[in-house]
C-alpha cells in the first residue's frame, strides 16, 4: 500500500512539475528573447528552460534524443531549417485558433507544424554617393554586368542566401537560377567571406558598393558599441529590390512544437504568446524585425528605410526548394 502511495505521489509530483515548465531549444540568440521568456513566465507561471545552439546542432540533438527528448519547442531562423526539422519528422501538427487566425497562410506550415514569429527582408544596401541607388532595381538585375566588381555577399552555404536562391527557382526555374547565380558571381567585388555585417562594413570602406543583407542586421549596426559597425552603417542606405514578377524576398524566424513534447499544451501557449501583440511589438522595436501580426507596426528605424511589398512565394516553397538551391549554387561556382 505504501509503495502504491509513493508511486502515485511521484506520478503526481512529476505531472505538476511537467505542467509548470516548457523546454525550448532555440537558435535565436538575442537579449529580446530573454525579455520575452521572462514576460511569459510572469504572465503564466510556466518556467521557460532554454537550450541554445546552432540550428543544425539542435535538429541533430532532437533527432538523436528520439522519443525521450525533453524538447517542447524548436525555435530557429529561416524556412530552410524549419522545413528540415519537419522533413526529419521532428515536429507535430498543432491546433490553435489564435495562430490560425493571426499568422498569414503563407507564413505558416501547410500542416501547422511550424509558425512564423518574425519576418526579415533580404535586401541590398548601397554606399551613399556611389550612384547605385539609380541603378538598383530587381534581384534578377543583380546579375547584369553593369554591377561587375560591385557586389559583396556571404557564401552560398548561408541559409539566407539559399532561401533567396530558392525563391529565384520558384519564380524562374532552376536553369535560369543557375545562370543568374553565375552572373552575380561575376559581379562580386571579392570572394564570399564573413556575415552580413561584414558585407556592409566592406562597402563602407570602399570594397564594392552593394551588399546583399538581411534588414535586421542594419538595425543591429545602428548605435552599436562596436564603432566599426555604427560608423560603417552611416555610410549606407537600404534599397528594397523585388522580383520581376513578385515582391521583396522575405524570410522568417519561426517555432514548432517538438514531436514528443512532454509539455505540449505549454508549448502551444508559448508559441501563441510569441505571436501576441506585446511580443510582436518587442520583436519589432528591440530587434528590428518585421512583425507577423498586421496590427503591429515596424519600429521607427525600420520604417525609415522605406516600404515594400512581400513576395507572394510561400515560405513553404523556400524550404522545399532548398536542395535545388544548394545544387544551383554549386553549379554556378558560388563559393
C-alpha atoms as a PDB file:
ATOM      1  CA  UNK A   1       0.000   0.000   0.000  1.00  0.00           C
ATOM      2  CA  UNK A   2       2.821   2.368   0.942  1.00  0.00           C
ATOM      3  CA  UNK A   3       4.644   1.537  -2.302  1.00  0.00           C
ATOM      4  CA  UNK A   4       1.498   2.296  -4.313  1.00  0.00           C
ATOM      5  CA  UNK A   5       1.035   5.585  -2.440  1.00  0.00           C
ATOM      6  CA  UNK A   6       4.663   6.553  -3.018  1.00  0.00           C
ATOM      7  CA  UNK A   7       4.336   5.718  -6.695  1.00  0.00           C
ATOM      8  CA  UNK A   8       1.115   7.746  -7.009  1.00  0.00           C
ATOM      9  CA  UNK A   9       2.737  10.684  -5.226  1.00  0.00           C
ATOM     10  CA  UNK A  10       5.735  10.513  -7.549  1.00  0.00           C
ATOM     11  CA  UNK A  11       3.474  10.498 -10.586  1.00  0.00           C
ATOM     12  CA  UNK A  12       1.519  13.451  -9.207  1.00  0.00           C
ATOM     13  CA  UNK A  13       4.653  15.456  -8.471  1.00  0.00           C
ATOM     14  CA  UNK A  14       6.037  14.655 -11.902  1.00  0.00           C
ATOM     15  CA  UNK A  15       2.769  15.747 -13.508  1.00  0.00           C
ATOM     16  CA  UNK A  16       2.686  19.035 -11.601  1.00  0.00           C
ATOM     17  CA  UNK A  17       6.332  19.740 -12.443  1.00  0.00           C
ATOM     18  CA  UNK A  18       5.819  18.934 -16.099  1.00  0.00           C
ATOM     19  CA  UNK A  19       2.793  21.214 -16.319  1.00  0.00           C
ATOM     20  CA  UNK A  20       4.727  24.187 -14.920  1.00  0.00           C
ATOM     21  CA  UNK A  21       7.510  24.304 -17.489  1.00  0.00           C
ATOM     22  CA  UNK A  22       8.292  24.440 -21.189  1.00  0.00           C
ATOM     23  CA  UNK A  23      11.601  23.301 -22.673  1.00  0.00           C
ATOM     24  CA  UNK A  24      12.754  25.485 -25.531  1.00  0.00           C
ATOM     25  CA  UNK A  25      15.510  24.614 -27.998  1.00  0.00           C
ATOM     26  CA  UNK A  26      16.408  27.922 -29.618  1.00  0.00           C
ATOM     27  CA  UNK A  27      18.750  29.028 -32.368  1.00  0.00           C
ATOM     28  CA  UNK A  28      17.930  32.677 -31.681  1.00  0.00           C
ATOM     29  CA  UNK A  29      20.496  34.459 -29.517  1.00  0.00           C
ATOM     30  CA  UNK A  30      19.062  37.883 -28.748  1.00  0.00           C
ATOM     31  CA  UNK A  31      18.506  39.780 -25.497  1.00  0.00           C
ATOM     32  CA  UNK A  32      14.997  40.460 -26.789  1.00  0.00           C
ATOM     33  CA  UNK A  33      14.192  36.771 -26.487  1.00  0.00           C
ATOM     34  CA  UNK A  34      15.365  36.681 -22.865  1.00  0.00           C
ATOM     35  CA  UNK A  35      12.957  39.519 -22.054  1.00  0.00           C
ATOM     36  CA  UNK A  36      10.125  37.734 -23.824  1.00  0.00           C
ATOM     37  CA  UNK A  37      10.761  34.461 -21.986  1.00  0.00           C
ATOM     38  CA  UNK A  38      10.658  36.322 -18.665  1.00  0.00           C
ATOM     39  CA  UNK A  39       7.425  38.053 -19.684  1.00  0.00           C
ATOM     40  CA  UNK A  40       5.888  34.673 -20.475  1.00  0.00           C
ATOM     41  CA  UNK A  41       6.962  33.249 -17.107  1.00  0.00           C
ATOM     42  CA  UNK A  42       5.486  36.222 -15.239  1.00  0.00           C
ATOM     43  CA  UNK A  43       2.226  36.046 -17.183  1.00  0.00           C
ATOM     44  CA  UNK A  44       1.649  32.293 -16.998  1.00  0.00           C
ATOM     45  CA  UNK A  45       3.745  30.940 -14.128  1.00  0.00           C
ATOM     46  CA  UNK A  46       5.270  28.480 -16.583  1.00  0.00           C
ATOM     47  CA  UNK A  47       9.051  28.244 -16.295  1.00  0.00           C
ATOM     48  CA  UNK A  48      10.979  28.536 -19.556  1.00  0.00           C
ATOM     49  CA  UNK A  49      14.028  26.262 -19.796  1.00  0.00           C
ATOM     50  CA  UNK A  50      16.242  27.218 -22.726  1.00  0.00           C
ATOM     51  CA  UNK A  51      18.932  25.349 -24.611  1.00  0.00           C
ATOM     52  CA  UNK A  52      20.737  27.483 -27.195  1.00  0.00           C
ATOM     53  CA  UNK A  53      22.816  26.209 -30.095  1.00  0.00           C
ATOM     54  CA  UNK A  54      23.096  26.444 -33.847  1.00  0.00           C
ATOM     55  CA  UNK A  55      20.072  25.173 -35.732  1.00  0.00           C
ATOM     56  CA  UNK A  56      21.900  22.176 -37.167  1.00  0.00           C
ATOM     57  CA  UNK A  57      23.070  21.117 -33.698  1.00  0.00           C
ATOM     58  CA  UNK A  58      19.581  21.478 -32.211  1.00  0.00           C
ATOM     59  CA  UNK A  59      17.976  19.495 -35.020  1.00  0.00           C
ATOM     60  CA  UNK A  60      20.596  16.769 -34.644  1.00  0.00           C
ATOM     61  CA  UNK A  61      20.103  16.725 -30.874  1.00  0.00           C
ATOM     62  CA  UNK A  62      16.311  16.336 -31.073  1.00  0.00           C
ATOM     63  CA  UNK A  63      16.784  13.621 -33.672  1.00  0.00           C
ATOM     64  CA  UNK A  64      19.250  11.698 -31.510  1.00  0.00           C
ATOM     65  CA  UNK A  65      17.138  12.077 -28.360  1.00  0.00           C
ATOM     66  CA  UNK A  66      14.195  10.439 -30.080  1.00  0.00           C
ATOM     67  CA  UNK A  67      11.106   9.707 -28.009  1.00  0.00           C
ATOM     68  CA  UNK A  68      12.968  10.625 -24.824  1.00  0.00           C
ATOM     69  CA  UNK A  69      13.656  14.182 -25.990  1.00  0.00           C
ATOM     70  CA  UNK A  70      12.652  16.814 -23.407  1.00  0.00           C
ATOM     71  CA  UNK A  71      12.248  19.398 -26.180  1.00  0.00           C
ATOM     72  CA  UNK A  72       8.841  21.066 -26.288  1.00  0.00           C
ATOM     73  CA  UNK A  73       9.542  23.876 -28.759  1.00  0.00           C
ATOM     74  CA  UNK A  74      12.084  24.376 -31.517  1.00  0.00           C
ATOM     75  CA  UNK A  75      12.797  27.987 -32.477  1.00  0.00           C
ATOM     76  CA  UNK A  76      15.019  28.689 -35.447  1.00  0.00           C
ATOM     77  CA  UNK A  77      15.529  31.077 -38.324  1.00  0.00           C
ATOM     78  CA  UNK A  78      14.850  30.604 -41.997  1.00  0.00           C
ATOM     79  CA  UNK A  79      12.347  28.449 -43.843  1.00  0.00           C
ATOM     80  CA  UNK A  80      15.062  26.018 -44.885  1.00  0.00           C
ATOM     81  CA  UNK A  81      15.777  24.969 -41.311  1.00  0.00           C
ATOM     82  CA  UNK A  82      12.121  24.776 -40.344  1.00  0.00           C
ATOM     83  CA  UNK A  83      11.483  22.622 -43.399  1.00  0.00           C
ATOM     84  CA  UNK A  84      14.446  20.414 -42.484  1.00  0.00           C
ATOM     85  CA  UNK A  85      13.100  19.839 -38.970  1.00  0.00           C
ATOM     86  CA  UNK A  86       9.717  18.930 -40.400  1.00  0.00           C
ATOM     87  CA  UNK A  87      11.177  16.620 -43.071  1.00  0.00           C
ATOM     88  CA  UNK A  88      13.050  14.736 -40.349  1.00  0.00           C
ATOM     89  CA  UNK A  89       9.719  14.180 -38.570  1.00  0.00           C
ATOM     90  CA  UNK A  90      10.806  16.186 -35.522  1.00  0.00           C
ATOM     91  CA  UNK A  91       7.713  18.410 -35.256  1.00  0.00           C
ATOM     92  CA  UNK A  92       4.000  17.790 -34.845  1.00  0.00           C
ATOM     93  CA  UNK A  93       0.828  19.439 -36.115  1.00  0.00           C
ATOM     94  CA  UNK A  94      -0.990  21.541 -33.539  1.00  0.00           C
ATOM     95  CA  UNK A  95      -4.403  23.113 -33.184  1.00  0.00           C
ATOM     96  CA  UNK A  96      -4.511  26.790 -32.286  1.00  0.00           C
ATOM     97  CA  UNK A  97      -7.339  29.061 -33.311  1.00  0.00           C
ATOM     98  CA  UNK A  98      -5.246  32.090 -32.365  1.00  0.00           C
ATOM     99  CA  UNK A  99      -2.305  31.153 -34.588  1.00  0.00           C
ATOM    100  CA  UNK A 100      -4.553  30.163 -37.475  1.00  0.00           C
ATOM    101  CA  UNK A 101      -6.412  33.461 -37.308  1.00  0.00           C
ATOM    102  CA  UNK A 102      -3.386  35.709 -36.871  1.00  0.00           C
ATOM    103  CA  UNK A 103      -0.460  34.158 -38.767  1.00  0.00           C
ATOM    104  CA  UNK A 104      -0.958  34.612 -42.536  1.00  0.00           C
ATOM    105  CA  UNK A 105      -1.275  31.395 -44.521  1.00  0.00           C
ATOM    106  CA  UNK A 106       1.959  31.973 -46.454  1.00  0.00           C
ATOM    107  CA  UNK A 107       3.848  32.365 -43.151  1.00  0.00           C
ATOM    108  CA  UNK A 108       2.936  29.035 -41.595  1.00  0.00           C
ATOM    109  CA  UNK A 109       3.470  25.389 -42.407  1.00  0.00           C
ATOM    110  CA  UNK A 110       0.824  23.763 -44.592  1.00  0.00           C
ATOM    111  CA  UNK A 111       0.332  21.113 -41.894  1.00  0.00           C
ATOM    112  CA  UNK A 112       0.542  23.573 -38.981  1.00  0.00           C
ATOM    113  CA  UNK A 113       3.817  22.120 -37.741  1.00  0.00           C
ATOM    114  CA  UNK A 114       5.559  25.499 -37.529  1.00  0.00           C
ATOM    115  CA  UNK A 115       4.556  29.159 -37.484  1.00  0.00           C
ATOM    116  CA  UNK A 116       6.495  32.302 -38.375  1.00  0.00           C
ATOM    117  CA  UNK A 117       7.178  34.674 -35.487  1.00  0.00           C
ATOM    118  CA  UNK A 118       9.068  37.456 -37.285  1.00  0.00           C
ATOM    119  CA  UNK A 119       9.949  38.477 -40.816  1.00  0.00           C
ATOM    120  CA  UNK A 120      13.232  39.701 -42.290  1.00  0.00           C
ATOM    121  CA  UNK A 121      13.648  41.146 -45.774  1.00  0.00           C
ATOM    122  CA  UNK A 122      16.767  40.211 -47.756  1.00  0.00           C
ATOM    123  CA  UNK A 123      17.685  43.436 -49.461  1.00  0.00           C
ATOM    124  CA  UNK A 124      20.570  45.434 -50.860  1.00  0.00           C
ATOM    125  CA  UNK A 125      22.479  48.120 -49.003  1.00  0.00           C
ATOM    126  CA  UNK A 126      24.435  50.554 -51.160  1.00  0.00           C
ATOM    127  CA  UNK A 127      27.186  53.025 -50.358  1.00  0.00           C
ATOM    128  CA  UNK A 128      25.955  56.593 -50.246  1.00  0.00           C
ATOM    129  CA  UNK A 129      27.380  58.583 -53.151  1.00  0.00           C
ATOM    130  CA  UNK A 130      28.105  55.513 -55.275  1.00  0.00           C
ATOM    131  CA  UNK A 131      25.216  56.217 -57.637  1.00  0.00           C
ATOM    132  CA  UNK A 132      23.906  52.687 -57.166  1.00  0.00           C
ATOM    133  CA  UNK A 133      20.550  53.975 -55.954  1.00  0.00           C
ATOM    134  CA  UNK A 134      19.866  54.973 -59.579  1.00  0.00           C
ATOM    135  CA  UNK A 135      20.893  51.568 -60.944  1.00  0.00           C
ATOM    136  CA  UNK A 136      19.353  49.101 -58.492  1.00  0.00           C
ATOM    137  CA  UNK A 137      16.007  47.606 -59.488  1.00  0.00           C
ATOM    138  CA  UNK A 138      15.295  43.867 -59.198  1.00  0.00           C
ATOM    139  CA  UNK A 139      17.020  40.791 -57.795  1.00  0.00           C
ATOM    140  CA  UNK A 140      17.309  39.498 -61.347  1.00  0.00           C
ATOM    141  CA  UNK A 141      19.185  42.656 -62.359  1.00  0.00           C
ATOM    142  CA  UNK A 142      21.993  41.970 -59.851  1.00  0.00           C
ATOM    143  CA  UNK A 143      23.431  39.561 -62.446  1.00  0.00           C
ATOM    144  CA  UNK A 144      23.797  42.381 -65.008  1.00  0.00           C
ATOM    145  CA  UNK A 145      27.440  43.097 -65.969  1.00  0.00           C
ATOM    146  CA  UNK A 146      26.897  46.769 -65.094  1.00  0.00           C
ATOM    147  CA  UNK A 147      27.475  45.708 -61.466  1.00  0.00           C
ATOM    148  CA  UNK A 148      30.806  43.980 -62.155  1.00  0.00           C
ATOM    149  CA  UNK A 149      33.101  44.284 -59.146  1.00  0.00           C
ATOM    150  CA  UNK A 150      30.400  45.926 -57.029  1.00  0.00           C
ATOM    151  CA  UNK A 151      28.611  43.155 -55.102  1.00  0.00           C
ATOM    152  CA  UNK A 152      29.507  41.935 -51.616  1.00  0.00           C
ATOM    153  CA  UNK A 153      27.664  38.879 -50.329  1.00  0.00           C
ATOM    154  CA  UNK A 154      28.318  35.982 -47.977  1.00  0.00           C
ATOM    155  CA  UNK A 155      28.900  32.370 -49.020  1.00  0.00           C
ATOM    156  CA  UNK A 156      26.419  30.008 -50.601  1.00  0.00           C
ATOM    157  CA  UNK A 157      26.364  27.769 -47.529  1.00  0.00           C
ATOM    158  CA  UNK A 158      24.486  30.518 -45.727  1.00  0.00           C
ATOM    159  CA  UNK A 159      20.819  29.639 -45.297  1.00  0.00           C
ATOM    160  CA  UNK A 160      19.644  33.191 -46.060  1.00  0.00           C
ATOM    161  CA  UNK A 161      21.264  33.056 -49.490  1.00  0.00           C
ATOM    162  CA  UNK A 162      19.927  29.565 -50.052  1.00  0.00           C
ATOM    163  CA  UNK A 163      16.381  30.784 -49.451  1.00  0.00           C
ATOM    164  CA  UNK A 164      16.884  33.728 -51.799  1.00  0.00           C
ATOM    165  CA  UNK A 165      18.037  31.247 -54.437  1.00  0.00           C
ATOM    166  CA  UNK A 166      15.072  29.007 -53.600  1.00  0.00           C
ATOM    167  CA  UNK A 167      12.796  31.945 -54.314  1.00  0.00           C
ATOM    168  CA  UNK A 168      14.591  32.624 -57.595  1.00  0.00           C
ATOM    169  CA  UNK A 169      13.983  28.989 -58.583  1.00  0.00           C
ATOM    170  CA  UNK A 170      10.314  29.319 -57.643  1.00  0.00           C
ATOM    171  CA  UNK A 171       9.983  32.372 -59.881  1.00  0.00           C
ATOM    172  CA  UNK A 172      12.060  31.302 -62.872  1.00  0.00           C
ATOM    173  CA  UNK A 173      13.134  27.658 -62.658  1.00  0.00           C
ATOM    174  CA  UNK A 174      16.493  26.029 -61.954  1.00  0.00           C
ATOM    175  CA  UNK A 175      18.154  26.738 -65.313  1.00  0.00           C
ATOM    176  CA  UNK A 176      17.529  30.469 -65.025  1.00  0.00           C
ATOM    177  CA  UNK A 177      18.586  30.500 -61.358  1.00  0.00           C
ATOM    178  CA  UNK A 178      21.956  28.901 -62.177  1.00  0.00           C
ATOM    179  CA  UNK A 179      22.569  31.483 -64.914  1.00  0.00           C
ATOM    180  CA  UNK A 180      21.592  34.264 -62.514  1.00  0.00           C
ATOM    181  CA  UNK A 181      23.961  32.993 -59.826  1.00  0.00           C
ATOM    182  CA  UNK A 182      26.822  32.864 -62.336  1.00  0.00           C
ATOM    183  CA  UNK A 183      26.117  36.497 -63.177  1.00  0.00           C
ATOM    184  CA  UNK A 184      26.209  37.517 -59.504  1.00  0.00           C
ATOM    185  CA  UNK A 185      29.478  35.613 -59.003  1.00  0.00           C
ATOM    186  CA  UNK A 186      30.979  37.500 -61.944  1.00  0.00           C
ATOM    187  CA  UNK A 187      29.925  40.775 -60.304  1.00  0.00           C
ATOM    188  CA  UNK A 188      31.394  40.071 -56.859  1.00  0.00           C
ATOM    189  CA  UNK A 189      33.929  42.559 -55.529  1.00  0.00           C
ATOM    190  CA  UNK A 190      35.751  39.691 -53.805  1.00  0.00           C
ATOM    191  CA  UNK A 191      35.194  36.052 -52.883  1.00  0.00           C
ATOM    192  CA  UNK A 192      32.412  35.488 -50.303  1.00  0.00           C
ATOM    193  CA  UNK A 193      33.551  35.894 -46.714  1.00  0.00           C
ATOM    194  CA  UNK A 194      32.048  36.868 -43.362  1.00  0.00           C
ATOM    195  CA  UNK A 195      28.499  37.586 -42.235  1.00  0.00           C
ATOM    196  CA  UNK A 196      26.006  40.225 -43.372  1.00  0.00           C
ATOM    197  CA  UNK A 197      27.561  42.929 -41.192  1.00  0.00           C
ATOM    198  CA  UNK A 198      30.927  42.208 -42.782  1.00  0.00           C
ATOM    199  CA  UNK A 199      29.439  42.948 -46.212  1.00  0.00           C
ATOM    200  CA  UNK A 200      28.149  46.321 -45.010  1.00  0.00           C
ATOM    201  CA  UNK A 201      31.489  47.239 -43.475  1.00  0.00           C
ATOM    202  CA  UNK A 202      33.216  46.242 -46.706  1.00  0.00           C
ATOM    203  CA  UNK A 203      31.210  48.544 -48.976  1.00  0.00           C
ATOM    204  CA  UNK A 204      31.506  51.353 -46.420  1.00  0.00           C
ATOM    205  CA  UNK A 205      35.297  51.022 -46.659  1.00  0.00           C
ATOM    206  CA  UNK A 206      35.283  51.077 -50.456  1.00  0.00           C
ATOM    207  CA  UNK A 207      35.253  47.372 -51.332  1.00  0.00           C
ATOM    208  CA  UNK A 208      32.389  47.176 -53.792  1.00  0.00           C
ATOM    209  CA  UNK A 209      29.294  49.340 -53.384  1.00  0.00           C
ATOM    210  CA  UNK A 210      26.374  46.900 -52.974  1.00  0.00           C
ATOM    211  CA  UNK A 211      25.848  44.457 -50.091  1.00  0.00           C
ATOM    212  CA  UNK A 212      23.168  41.768 -50.015  1.00  0.00           C
ATOM    213  CA  UNK A 213      21.928  41.663 -46.414  1.00  0.00           C
ATOM    214  CA  UNK A 214      19.032  40.957 -44.092  1.00  0.00           C
ATOM    215  CA  UNK A 215      17.351  44.141 -42.879  1.00  0.00           C
ATOM    216  CA  UNK A 216      17.585  43.479 -39.159  1.00  0.00           C
ATOM    217  CA  UNK A 217      21.390  43.406 -39.329  1.00  0.00           C
ATOM    218  CA  UNK A 218      21.295  47.013 -40.483  1.00  0.00           C
ATOM    219  CA  UNK A 219      19.261  47.859 -37.395  1.00  0.00           C
ATOM    220  CA  UNK A 220      21.681  45.981 -35.164  1.00  0.00           C
ATOM    221  CA  UNK A 221      24.580  48.060 -36.504  1.00  0.00           C
ATOM    222  CA  UNK A 222      22.966  51.395 -35.640  1.00  0.00           C
ATOM    223  CA  UNK A 223      24.072  52.684 -32.213  1.00  0.00           C
ATOM    224  CA  UNK A 224      26.263  49.610 -31.845  1.00  0.00           C
ATOM    225  CA  UNK A 225      29.042  49.866 -29.268  1.00  0.00           C
ATOM    226  CA  UNK A 226      31.382  48.489 -31.923  1.00  0.00           C
ATOM    227  CA  UNK A 227      32.383  51.654 -33.793  1.00  0.00           C
ATOM    228  CA  UNK A 228      33.361  49.652 -36.867  1.00  0.00           C
ATOM    229  CA  UNK A 229      29.655  48.815 -37.181  1.00  0.00           C
ATOM    230  CA  UNK A 230      27.988  52.070 -36.113  1.00  0.00           C
ATOM    231  CA  UNK A 231      30.260  54.197 -38.282  1.00  0.00           C
ATOM    232  CA  UNK A 232      30.022  51.906 -41.305  1.00  0.00           C
ATOM    233  CA  UNK A 233      26.220  51.802 -41.336  1.00  0.00           C
ATOM    234  CA  UNK A 234      26.103  55.609 -41.506  1.00  0.00           C
ATOM    235  CA  UNK A 235      27.670  55.364 -44.960  1.00  0.00           C
ATOM    236  CA  UNK A 236      25.000  53.123 -46.489  1.00  0.00           C
ATOM    237  CA  UNK A 237      21.307  53.160 -47.337  1.00  0.00           C
ATOM    238  CA  UNK A 238      18.795  50.369 -47.813  1.00  0.00           C
ATOM    239  CA  UNK A 239      17.213  49.579 -51.170  1.00  0.00           C
ATOM    240  CA  UNK A 240      14.361  47.081 -51.466  1.00  0.00           C
ATOM    241  CA  UNK A 241      14.743  45.035 -54.659  1.00  0.00           C
ATOM    242  CA  UNK A 242      11.843  42.933 -55.890  1.00  0.00           C
ATOM    243  CA  UNK A 243      11.413  40.022 -58.236  1.00  0.00           C
ATOM    244  CA  UNK A 244      10.331  40.929 -61.745  1.00  0.00           C
ATOM    245  CA  UNK A 245       7.042  39.107 -61.231  1.00  0.00           C
ATOM    246  CA  UNK A 246       6.784  39.438 -57.469  1.00  0.00           C
ATOM    247  CA  UNK A 247       7.757  41.430 -54.409  1.00  0.00           C
ATOM    248  CA  UNK A 248      10.665  41.738 -51.991  1.00  0.00           C
ATOM    249  CA  UNK A 249      12.102  38.474 -50.712  1.00  0.00           C
ATOM    250  CA  UNK A 250      11.312  37.802 -47.063  1.00  0.00           C
ATOM    251  CA  UNK A 251      12.261  35.056 -44.690  1.00  0.00           C
ATOM    252  CA  UNK A 252      11.227  34.240 -41.176  1.00  0.00           C
ATOM    253  CA  UNK A 253      12.169  33.062 -37.758  1.00  0.00           C
ATOM    254  CA  UNK A 254       9.643  30.550 -36.538  1.00  0.00           C
ATOM    255  CA  UNK A 255       8.706  27.933 -33.983  1.00  0.00           C
ATOM    256  CA  UNK A 256       7.173  24.497 -33.898  1.00  0.00           C
ATOM    257  CA  UNK A 257       6.140  22.006 -31.235  1.00  0.00           C
ATOM    258  CA  UNK A 258       8.523  19.058 -30.972  1.00  0.00           C
ATOM    259  CA  UNK A 259       7.039  15.680 -31.918  1.00  0.00           C
ATOM    260  CA  UNK A 260       7.477  14.129 -28.481  1.00  0.00           C
ATOM    261  CA  UNK A 261       6.945  17.325 -26.454  1.00  0.00           C
ATOM    262  CA  UNK A 262       6.267  16.332 -22.815  1.00  0.00           C
ATOM    263  CA  UNK A 263       4.537  19.695 -22.237  1.00  0.00           C
ATOM    264  CA  UNK A 264       2.558  20.111 -25.440  1.00  0.00           C
ATOM    265  CA  UNK A 265      -0.104  22.463 -24.078  1.00  0.00           C
ATOM    266  CA  UNK A 266       2.509  24.732 -22.549  1.00  0.00           C
ATOM    267  CA  UNK A 267       4.399  24.671 -25.838  1.00  0.00           C
ATOM    268  CA  UNK A 268       1.324  25.872 -27.729  1.00  0.00           C
ATOM    269  CA  UNK A 269       0.720  28.608 -25.144  1.00  0.00           C
ATOM    270  CA  UNK A 270       4.358  29.670 -25.506  1.00  0.00           C
ATOM    271  CA  UNK A 271       4.189  29.991 -29.299  1.00  0.00           C
ATOM    272  CA  UNK A 272       0.859  31.810 -29.040  1.00  0.00           C
ATOM    273  CA  UNK A 273       2.487  34.259 -26.632  1.00  0.00           C
ATOM    274  CA  UNK A 274       5.375  34.922 -29.025  1.00  0.00           C
ATOM    275  CA  UNK A 275       2.770  35.747 -31.664  1.00  0.00           C
ATOM    276  CA  UNK A 276       0.872  38.071 -29.296  1.00  0.00           C
ATOM    277  CA  UNK A 277       0.777  41.840 -29.743  1.00  0.00           C
ATOM    278  CA  UNK A 278       3.094  42.526 -26.777  1.00  0.00           C
ATOM    279  CA  UNK A 279       5.722  40.074 -28.004  1.00  0.00           C
ATOM    280  CA  UNK A 280       5.459  41.238 -31.601  1.00  0.00           C
ATOM    281  CA  UNK A 281       5.997  44.853 -30.557  1.00  0.00           C
ATOM    282  CA  UNK A 282       9.155  43.895 -28.687  1.00  0.00           C
ATOM    283  CA  UNK A 283      10.470  41.865 -31.642  1.00  0.00           C
ATOM    284  CA  UNK A 284       9.861  44.913 -33.799  1.00  0.00           C
ATOM    285  CA  UNK A 285      11.227  47.698 -31.596  1.00  0.00           C
ATOM    286  CA  UNK A 286      14.139  45.944 -29.912  1.00  0.00           C
ATOM    287  CA  UNK A 287      15.339  43.558 -32.605  1.00  0.00           C
ATOM    288  CA  UNK A 288      14.418  45.478 -35.783  1.00  0.00           C
ATOM    289  CA  UNK A 289      12.430  42.604 -37.255  1.00  0.00           C
ATOM    290  CA  UNK A 290       9.145  42.897 -39.102  1.00  0.00           C
ATOM    291  CA  UNK A 291       6.134  41.662 -37.097  1.00  0.00           C
ATOM    292  CA  UNK A 292       3.922  38.912 -38.498  1.00  0.00           C
ATOM    293  CA  UNK A 293       0.823  40.466 -36.935  1.00  0.00           C
ATOM    294  CA  UNK A 294      -0.796  43.023 -39.218  1.00  0.00           C
ATOM    295  CA  UNK A 295      -1.941  45.020 -36.191  1.00  0.00           C
ATOM    296  CA  UNK A 296       1.654  45.712 -35.102  1.00  0.00           C
ATOM    297  CA  UNK A 297       3.825  48.294 -36.841  1.00  0.00           C
ATOM    298  CA  UNK A 298       7.527  48.072 -37.555  1.00  0.00           C
ATOM    299  CA  UNK A 299       9.852  50.236 -35.434  1.00  0.00           C
ATOM    300  CA  UNK A 300      10.506  53.849 -36.425  1.00  0.00           C
ATOM    301  CA  UNK A 301      14.031  52.975 -37.551  1.00  0.00           C
ATOM    302  CA  UNK A 302      12.825  50.118 -39.720  1.00  0.00           C
ATOM    303  CA  UNK A 303      10.055  52.271 -41.194  1.00  0.00           C
ATOM    304  CA  UNK A 304      12.636  54.952 -42.052  1.00  0.00           C
ATOM    305  CA  UNK A 305      14.195  52.580 -44.595  1.00  0.00           C
ATOM    306  CA  UNK A 306      11.056  52.647 -46.709  1.00  0.00           C
ATOM    307  CA  UNK A 307       8.214  50.332 -47.599  1.00  0.00           C
ATOM    308  CA  UNK A 308       7.960  47.232 -49.748  1.00  0.00           C
ATOM    309  CA  UNK A 309       5.532  44.545 -50.807  1.00  0.00           C
ATOM    310  CA  UNK A 310       6.207  40.992 -49.613  1.00  0.00           C
ATOM    311  CA  UNK A 311       6.941  38.493 -52.339  1.00  0.00           C
ATOM    312  CA  UNK A 312       3.975  36.195 -52.903  1.00  0.00           C
ATOM    313  CA  UNK A 313       6.037  32.975 -52.812  1.00  0.00           C
ATOM    314  CA  UNK A 314       5.038  30.851 -49.815  1.00  0.00           C
ATOM    315  CA  UNK A 315       7.637  30.282 -47.112  1.00  0.00           C
ATOM    316  CA  UNK A 316       6.896  26.565 -47.522  1.00  0.00           C
ATOM    317  CA  UNK A 317       8.191  26.712 -51.090  1.00  0.00           C
ATOM    318  CA  UNK A 318      11.518  28.145 -49.936  1.00  0.00           C
ATOM    319  CA  UNK A 319      12.093  25.098 -47.756  1.00  0.00           C
ATOM    320  CA  UNK A 320      11.015  22.690 -50.480  1.00  0.00           C
ATOM    321  CA  UNK A 321      13.473  24.276 -52.952  1.00  0.00           C
ATOM    322  CA  UNK A 322      16.451  24.285 -50.575  1.00  0.00           C
ATOM    323  CA  UNK A 323      18.223  21.235 -52.051  1.00  0.00           C
ATOM    324  CA  UNK A 324      17.782  22.580 -55.569  1.00  0.00           C
ATOM    325  CA  UNK A 325      19.173  25.935 -54.401  1.00  0.00           C
ATOM    326  CA  UNK A 326      22.321  24.353 -52.944  1.00  0.00           C
ATOM    327  CA  UNK A 327      22.834  22.420 -56.172  1.00  0.00           C
ATOM    328  CA  UNK A 328      22.374  25.575 -58.261  1.00  0.00           C
ATOM    329  CA  UNK A 329      24.964  27.432 -56.202  1.00  0.00           C
ATOM    330  CA  UNK A 330      27.487  24.614 -56.730  1.00  0.00           C
ATOM    331  CA  UNK A 331      26.909  24.573 -60.465  1.00  0.00           C
ATOM    332  CA  UNK A 332      27.286  28.359 -60.603  1.00  0.00           C
ATOM    333  CA  UNK A 333      30.588  28.345 -58.715  1.00  0.00           C
ATOM    334  CA  UNK A 334      29.252  30.469 -55.854  1.00  0.00           C
ATOM    335  CA  UNK A 335      31.587  29.502 -53.020  1.00  0.00           C
END
